[in-house]
Each structure stands twice: as C-alpha cells, then as structure tokens.
C-alpha cells in the first residue's frame, strides 16, 4: 500500500515540477522579449518602408508594393502585383543568426529566399528565386529613401561571391500612396424586397 502512495506522490510531484518548469520557461521567455524586426528597422532608420507604393514601367504597367507590419512588428509582409503576376513574402528577424530573413512565393509556382541588411542609408535585399521549372536566379534589390513620398529601388545581379554587380539591371522610383479609406455605410441598410 505504501508503494502505491509513494508512486502516486512521485507522479504527482513529477507533474507539478514539469508544470512549474513550463510556466517558468514561458514567463521568462515573455519577460525577456525578443527584439522585433520593426525595432531594428527603427534603430537603422529603415521603418519608412512600410506602406503602399506604386510605380509605372516604361510600357505603362503599374507595379503595386504593399509592406505591412504584423505580429507586433515581428513580421513584415510584402505583396507585389504587376499585371497578372503576384507574389507574397514575409521577413522576420532571427536573433541567433543576427539576420533578417525573407521568404516568399508567387502565383507562378516560384519561391524566394533571402536576407535583408542595412548598408549606409540603404536597405539591401539579397535573394534567390527558384521558378516552377527549377531555374535559379540570384539578385539584390537596393531600397533608398528619396523623400517621405518617394523611394528608389535598383535591381542588381549578384556575382558568384554574392556581391552586387557594378551596374543595376534597372532602377525605378516608387511613390507612396495614401491609405485606402474604408467606406462606412451611411445609415442602416435597407432590406431587399422580393
């Protein structure tokens, strides 16, 4: 009989110790909050990137880029639309690697993986894109703030060492767009009559 009580006490004590350990780990993890990507962007003066941006190509196509902070600033999402092409990506900070990582997919079966880093007064996104057929293309996008309503993006190829080529493939100015206002109903909706 004593052995059964001792076994129950040990099991109960083990559960209690496990539960207390789990609570302490969760509590200590939230007490020492991880620095967010938004915090780092502010630190480097790069938090201006969030927002809606548009540009027009020489052929007249409109490019829409929407950068949005999510998850209390730990995640920066980006949506890109140009004609029938669309992609969605997300960037987040990995403290152990001390890097901002970017991953994304597009509506043609492609996927992208890369890193972000500040360089002087610019942001550099080095990435590798793999299309649906498996073709790999390495590039870098260099973001520069021109003024509060304008940014310049230059797209470069990367050499075998991951360094930017001397000349960009192209550069384009993007204009910040005002936030879209959501129309509120002007009163109660009328019932449809049959």
C-alpha atoms as a PDB file:
ATOM      1  CA  UNK A   1       0.000   0.000   0.000  1.00  0.00           C
ATOM      2  CA  UNK A   2       2.842   2.410   0.801  1.00  0.00           C
ATOM      3  CA  UNK A   3       4.440   1.715  -2.574  1.00  0.00           C
ATOM      4  CA  UNK A   4       1.233   2.797  -4.364  1.00  0.00           C
ATOM      5  CA  UNK A   5       1.028   6.030  -2.368  1.00  0.00           C
ATOM      6  CA  UNK A   6       4.722   6.680  -2.952  1.00  0.00           C
ATOM      7  CA  UNK A   7       4.287   6.093  -6.708  1.00  0.00           C
ATOM      8  CA  UNK A   8       1.266   8.451  -6.816  1.00  0.00           C
ATOM      9  CA  UNK A   9       3.189  11.102  -4.903  1.00  0.00           C
ATOM     10  CA  UNK A  10       6.154  10.752  -7.293  1.00  0.00           C
ATOM     11  CA  UNK A  11       3.876  11.011 -10.327  1.00  0.00           C
ATOM     12  CA  UNK A  12       2.061  13.996  -8.815  1.00  0.00           C
ATOM     13  CA  UNK A  13       5.366  15.628  -7.887  1.00  0.00           C
ATOM     14  CA  UNK A  14       6.765  14.992 -11.383  1.00  0.00           C
ATOM     15  CA  UNK A  15       3.702  16.601 -12.991  1.00  0.00           C
ATOM     16  CA  UNK A  16       3.941  19.569 -10.641  1.00  0.00           C
ATOM     17  CA  UNK A  17       7.663  20.066 -11.338  1.00  0.00           C
ATOM     18  CA  UNK A  18       7.046  19.772 -15.090  1.00  0.00           C
ATOM     19  CA  UNK A  19       4.161  22.252 -14.945  1.00  0.00           C
ATOM     20  CA  UNK A  20       6.165  24.746 -12.861  1.00  0.00           C
ATOM     21  CA  UNK A  21       9.149  24.421 -15.214  1.00  0.00           C
ATOM     22  CA  UNK A  22       6.915  25.039 -18.238  1.00  0.00           C
ATOM     23  CA  UNK A  23       5.317  28.079 -16.583  1.00  0.00           C
ATOM     24  CA  UNK A  24       8.722  29.497 -15.643  1.00  0.00           C
ATOM     25  CA  UNK A  25      10.067  28.995 -19.165  1.00  0.00           C
ATOM     26  CA  UNK A  26       7.038  30.681 -20.724  1.00  0.00           C
ATOM     27  CA  UNK A  27       7.123  33.515 -18.188  1.00  0.00           C
ATOM     28  CA  UNK A  28      10.864  34.111 -18.544  1.00  0.00           C
ATOM     29  CA  UNK A  29      10.571  33.986 -22.336  1.00  0.00           C
ATOM     30  CA  UNK A  30       7.950  36.713 -22.348  1.00  0.00           C
ATOM     31  CA  UNK A  31       9.789  38.742 -19.708  1.00  0.00           C
ATOM     32  CA  UNK A  32      12.854  38.915 -21.957  1.00  0.00           C
ATOM     33  CA  UNK A  33      11.030  39.875 -25.130  1.00  0.00           C
ATOM     34  CA  UNK A  34      12.892  39.357 -28.367  1.00  0.00           C
ATOM     35  CA  UNK A  35      13.752  42.495 -30.291  1.00  0.00           C
ATOM     36  CA  UNK A  36      11.365  42.809 -33.205  1.00  0.00           C
ATOM     37  CA  UNK A  37      12.230  43.478 -36.825  1.00  0.00           C
ATOM     38  CA  UNK A  38      10.335  46.763 -36.526  1.00  0.00           C
ATOM     39  CA  UNK A  39      12.564  47.777 -33.570  1.00  0.00           C
ATOM     40  CA  UNK A  40      15.642  47.056 -35.679  1.00  0.00           C
ATOM     41  CA  UNK A  41      14.190  48.942 -38.646  1.00  0.00           C
ATOM     42  CA  UNK A  42      13.598  51.980 -36.412  1.00  0.00           C
ATOM     43  CA  UNK A  43      17.103  51.673 -34.991  1.00  0.00           C
ATOM     44  CA  UNK A  44      18.579  51.802 -38.514  1.00  0.00           C
ATOM     45  CA  UNK A  45      16.136  54.444 -39.771  1.00  0.00           C
ATOM     46  CA  UNK A  46      14.507  51.995 -42.176  1.00  0.00           C
ATOM     47  CA  UNK A  47      10.957  51.861 -40.788  1.00  0.00           C
ATOM     48  CA  UNK A  48       9.850  54.179 -43.641  1.00  0.00           C
ATOM     49  CA  UNK A  49       9.485  51.130 -45.918  1.00  0.00           C
ATOM     50  CA  UNK A  50       6.060  50.111 -44.556  1.00  0.00           C
ATOM     51  CA  UNK A  51       3.179  51.371 -46.675  1.00  0.00           C
ATOM     52  CA  UNK A  52       1.644  51.236 -50.175  1.00  0.00           C
ATOM     53  CA  UNK A  53       3.971  52.076 -53.059  1.00  0.00           C
ATOM     54  CA  UNK A  54       3.315  52.277 -56.810  1.00  0.00           C
ATOM     55  CA  UNK A  55       5.435  52.703 -59.904  1.00  0.00           C
ATOM     56  CA  UNK A  56       4.764  52.661 -63.629  1.00  0.00           C
ATOM     57  CA  UNK A  57       7.016  50.803 -66.058  1.00  0.00           C
ATOM     58  CA  UNK A  58       8.115  52.268 -69.406  1.00  0.00           C
ATOM     59  CA  UNK A  59       5.459  50.037 -71.010  1.00  0.00           C
ATOM     60  CA  UNK A  60       2.742  51.589 -68.821  1.00  0.00           C
ATOM     61  CA  UNK A  61       2.231  48.664 -66.420  1.00  0.00           C
ATOM     62  CA  UNK A  62       1.533  49.558 -62.798  1.00  0.00           C
ATOM     63  CA  UNK A  63       3.535  47.893 -60.037  1.00  0.00           C
ATOM     64  CA  UNK A  64       1.999  47.830 -56.555  1.00  0.00           C
ATOM     65  CA  UNK A  65       4.110  47.034 -53.490  1.00  0.00           C
ATOM     66  CA  UNK A  66       2.472  46.867 -50.063  1.00  0.00           C
ATOM     67  CA  UNK A  67       4.704  46.460 -47.000  1.00  0.00           C
ATOM     68  CA  UNK A  68       2.819  45.865 -43.758  1.00  0.00           C
ATOM     69  CA  UNK A  69       3.951  45.307 -40.159  1.00  0.00           C
ATOM     70  CA  UNK A  70       2.238  42.374 -38.458  1.00  0.00           C
ATOM     71  CA  UNK A  71       2.548  40.339 -35.247  1.00  0.00           C
ATOM     72  CA  UNK A  72       3.584  43.296 -33.094  1.00  0.00           C
ATOM     73  CA  UNK A  73       6.350  44.251 -35.520  1.00  0.00           C
ATOM     74  CA  UNK A  74       7.988  40.818 -35.611  1.00  0.00           C
ATOM     75  CA  UNK A  75       6.847  40.249 -39.199  1.00  0.00           C
ATOM     76  CA  UNK A  76       6.944  42.456 -42.280  1.00  0.00           C
ATOM     77  CA  UNK A  77       4.779  41.169 -45.127  1.00  0.00           C
ATOM     78  CA  UNK A  78       5.032  42.312 -48.723  1.00  0.00           C
ATOM     79  CA  UNK A  79       2.560  41.925 -51.547  1.00  0.00           C
ATOM     80  CA  UNK A  80       3.679  42.623 -55.110  1.00  0.00           C
ATOM     81  CA  UNK A  81       1.309  42.951 -58.054  1.00  0.00           C
ATOM     82  CA  UNK A  82       2.252  43.716 -61.637  1.00  0.00           C
ATOM     83  CA  UNK A  83      -0.321  42.814 -64.266  1.00  0.00           C
ATOM     84  CA  UNK A  84      -1.183  39.151 -63.813  1.00  0.00           C
ATOM     85  CA  UNK A  85       1.924  38.475 -61.712  1.00  0.00           C
ATOM     86  CA  UNK A  86       1.549  38.426 -57.928  1.00  0.00           C
ATOM     87  CA  UNK A  87       3.794  37.414 -55.056  1.00  0.00           C
ATOM     88  CA  UNK A  88       3.647  37.429 -51.279  1.00  0.00           C
ATOM     89  CA  UNK A  89       6.585  37.436 -48.942  1.00  0.00           C
ATOM     90  CA  UNK A  90       7.433  37.864 -45.318  1.00  0.00           C
ATOM     91  CA  UNK A  91      10.514  38.988 -43.468  1.00  0.00           C
ATOM     92  CA  UNK A  92      11.427  38.353 -39.846  1.00  0.00           C
ATOM     93  CA  UNK A  93      14.453  38.693 -37.586  1.00  0.00           C
ATOM     94  CA  UNK A  94      16.378  35.584 -36.454  1.00  0.00           C
ATOM     95  CA  UNK A  95      18.381  36.608 -33.351  1.00  0.00           C
ATOM     96  CA  UNK A  96      20.680  33.556 -33.351  1.00  0.00           C
ATOM     97  CA  UNK A  97      21.818  34.373 -36.883  1.00  0.00           C
ATOM     98  CA  UNK A  98      21.538  38.139 -36.379  1.00  0.00           C
ATOM     99  CA  UNK A  99      19.813  38.353 -39.759  1.00  0.00           C
ATOM    100  CA  UNK A 100      16.514  39.442 -41.199  1.00  0.00           C
ATOM    101  CA  UNK A 101      15.278  36.531 -43.320  1.00  0.00           C
ATOM    102  CA  UNK A 102      12.901  36.838 -46.262  1.00  0.00           C
ATOM    103  CA  UNK A 103      10.782  34.047 -47.776  1.00  0.00           C
ATOM    104  CA  UNK A 104       8.101  34.285 -50.444  1.00  0.00           C
ATOM    105  CA  UNK A 105       6.065  32.592 -53.145  1.00  0.00           C
ATOM    106  CA  UNK A 106       4.435  33.739 -56.358  1.00  0.00           C
ATOM    107  CA  UNK A 107       1.369  32.802 -58.384  1.00  0.00           C
ATOM    108  CA  UNK A 108       3.513  31.017 -60.987  1.00  0.00           C
ATOM    109  CA  UNK A 109       4.915  28.386 -58.649  1.00  0.00           C
ATOM    110  CA  UNK A 110       8.129  30.250 -57.831  1.00  0.00           C
ATOM    111  CA  UNK A 111       9.671  30.653 -54.404  1.00  0.00           C
ATOM    112  CA  UNK A 112      12.148  33.129 -52.964  1.00  0.00           C
ATOM    113  CA  UNK A 113      14.530  33.066 -50.021  1.00  0.00           C
ATOM    114  CA  UNK A 114      16.913  35.789 -48.973  1.00  0.00           C
ATOM    115  CA  UNK A 115      18.240  38.206 -46.372  1.00  0.00           C
ATOM    116  CA  UNK A 116      17.904  41.916 -45.589  1.00  0.00           C
ATOM    117  CA  UNK A 117      20.670  44.162 -44.339  1.00  0.00           C
ATOM    118  CA  UNK A 118      21.145  47.885 -43.882  1.00  0.00           C
ATOM    119  CA  UNK A 119      24.035  49.488 -45.786  1.00  0.00           C
ATOM    120  CA  UNK A 120      24.616  53.157 -45.038  1.00  0.00           C
ATOM    121  CA  UNK A 121      21.288  54.842 -45.796  1.00  0.00           C
ATOM    122  CA  UNK A 122      20.002  51.971 -47.954  1.00  0.00           C
ATOM    123  CA  UNK A 123      18.331  48.595 -47.419  1.00  0.00           C
ATOM    124  CA  UNK A 124      19.684  45.653 -49.412  1.00  0.00           C
ATOM    125  CA  UNK A 125      17.640  42.510 -50.010  1.00  0.00           C
ATOM    126  CA  UNK A 126      19.745  39.685 -51.471  1.00  0.00           C
ATOM    127  CA  UNK A 127      17.613  36.820 -52.675  1.00  0.00           C
ATOM    128  CA  UNK A 128      17.483  33.616 -54.632  1.00  0.00           C
ATOM    129  CA  UNK A 129      14.386  32.931 -56.728  1.00  0.00           C
ATOM    130  CA  UNK A 130      13.581  29.431 -57.965  1.00  0.00           C
ATOM    131  CA  UNK A 131      10.872  29.288 -60.633  1.00  0.00           C
ATOM    132  CA  UNK A 132       8.403  26.415 -61.162  1.00  0.00           C
ATOM    133  CA  UNK A 133      10.851  24.671 -63.535  1.00  0.00           C
ATOM    134  CA  UNK A 134      13.710  24.882 -61.031  1.00  0.00           C
ATOM    135  CA  UNK A 135      15.641  27.707 -62.721  1.00  0.00           C
ATOM    136  CA  UNK A 136      17.568  29.736 -60.118  1.00  0.00           C
ATOM    137  CA  UNK A 137      18.134  33.490 -60.351  1.00  0.00           C
ATOM    138  CA  UNK A 138      20.115  35.427 -57.753  1.00  0.00           C
ATOM    139  CA  UNK A 139      19.552  39.149 -57.413  1.00  0.00           C
ATOM    140  CA  UNK A 140      19.593  42.036 -54.985  1.00  0.00           C
ATOM    141  CA  UNK A 141      17.122  44.864 -54.575  1.00  0.00           C
ATOM    142  CA  UNK A 142      18.568  48.068 -53.126  1.00  0.00           C
ATOM    143  CA  UNK A 143      15.997  50.369 -51.495  1.00  0.00           C
ATOM    144  CA  UNK A 144      16.778  54.067 -50.997  1.00  0.00           C
ATOM    145  CA  UNK A 145      14.538  56.676 -49.419  1.00  0.00           C
ATOM    146  CA  UNK A 146      14.412  59.742 -51.669  1.00  0.00           C
ATOM    147  CA  UNK A 147      11.892  61.673 -49.563  1.00  0.00           C
ATOM    148  CA  UNK A 148       8.784  60.975 -47.435  1.00  0.00           C
ATOM    149  CA  UNK A 149       6.742  60.044 -50.519  1.00  0.00           C
ATOM    150  CA  UNK A 150       9.377  58.521 -52.823  1.00  0.00           C
ATOM    151  CA  UNK A 151      11.709  55.539 -52.753  1.00  0.00           C
ATOM    152  CA  UNK A 152      14.082  54.254 -55.387  1.00  0.00           C
ATOM    153  CA  UNK A 153      14.586  50.532 -55.990  1.00  0.00           C
ATOM    154  CA  UNK A 154      17.585  49.355 -58.004  1.00  0.00           C
ATOM    155  CA  UNK A 155      17.730  45.697 -59.055  1.00  0.00           C
ATOM    156  CA  UNK A 156      21.198  44.134 -59.361  1.00  0.00           C
ATOM    157  CA  UNK A 157      22.574  40.776 -60.368  1.00  0.00           C
ATOM    158  CA  UNK A 158      24.868  39.009 -57.896  1.00  0.00           C
ATOM    159  CA  UNK A 159      28.289  37.553 -58.673  1.00  0.00           C
ATOM    160  CA  UNK A 160      29.488  34.099 -57.521  1.00  0.00           C
ATOM    161  CA  UNK A 161      30.508  35.594 -54.135  1.00  0.00           C
ATOM    162  CA  UNK A 162      27.081  37.111 -53.537  1.00  0.00           C
ATOM    163  CA  UNK A 163      28.292  40.659 -54.199  1.00  0.00           C
ATOM    164  CA  UNK A 164      26.299  43.187 -56.242  1.00  0.00           C
ATOM    165  CA  UNK A 165      27.306  43.673 -59.871  1.00  0.00           C
ATOM    166  CA  UNK A 166      28.746  47.099 -60.694  1.00  0.00           C
ATOM    167  CA  UNK A 167      25.671  48.340 -62.581  1.00  0.00           C
ATOM    168  CA  UNK A 168      21.984  47.726 -61.798  1.00  0.00           C
ATOM    169  CA  UNK A 169      19.730  45.955 -64.294  1.00  0.00           C
ATOM    170  CA  UNK A 170      17.267  48.815 -63.774  1.00  0.00           C
ATOM    171  CA  UNK A 171      16.128  51.417 -61.263  1.00  0.00           C
ATOM    172  CA  UNK A 172      12.618  52.621 -60.611  1.00  0.00           C
ATOM    173  CA  UNK A 173      11.019  55.316 -58.446  1.00  0.00           C
ATOM    174  CA  UNK A 174       8.016  54.313 -56.338  1.00  0.00           C
ATOM    175  CA  UNK A 175       5.517  56.793 -54.887  1.00  0.00           C
ATOM    176  CA  UNK A 176       3.866  56.302 -51.510  1.00  0.00           C
ATOM    177  CA  UNK A 177       0.102  56.043 -51.746  1.00  0.00           C
ATOM    178  CA  UNK A 178      -2.267  57.222 -49.045  1.00  0.00           C
ATOM    179  CA  UNK A 179      -4.012  54.567 -47.028  1.00  0.00           C
ATOM    180  CA  UNK A 180      -7.247  53.412 -48.553  1.00  0.00           C
ATOM    181  CA  UNK A 181     -10.272  54.612 -46.650  1.00  0.00           C
ATOM    182  CA  UNK A 182     -12.939  52.069 -45.907  1.00  0.00           C
ATOM    183  CA  UNK A 183     -16.370  53.334 -46.847  1.00  0.00           C
ATOM    184  CA  UNK A 184     -18.780  53.212 -43.928  1.00  0.00           C
ATOM    185  CA  UNK A 185     -22.466  52.723 -44.556  1.00  0.00           C
ATOM    186  CA  UNK A 186     -24.443  55.954 -44.310  1.00  0.00           C
ATOM    187  CA  UNK A 187     -27.119  54.563 -42.046  1.00  0.00           C
ATOM    188  CA  UNK A 188     -28.927  51.262 -41.799  1.00  0.00           C
ATOM    189  CA  UNK A 189     -29.041  49.011 -44.813  1.00  0.00           C
ATOM    190  CA  UNK A 190     -32.386  48.695 -46.475  1.00  0.00           C
ATOM    191  CA  UNK A 191     -33.985  45.288 -46.729  1.00  0.00           C
ATOM    192  CA  UNK A 192     -34.315  43.880 -50.202  1.00  0.00           C
ATOM    193  CA  UNK A 193     -37.875  43.435 -51.329  1.00  0.00           C
ATOM    194  CA  UNK A 194     -38.790  40.323 -53.241  1.00  0.00           C
END
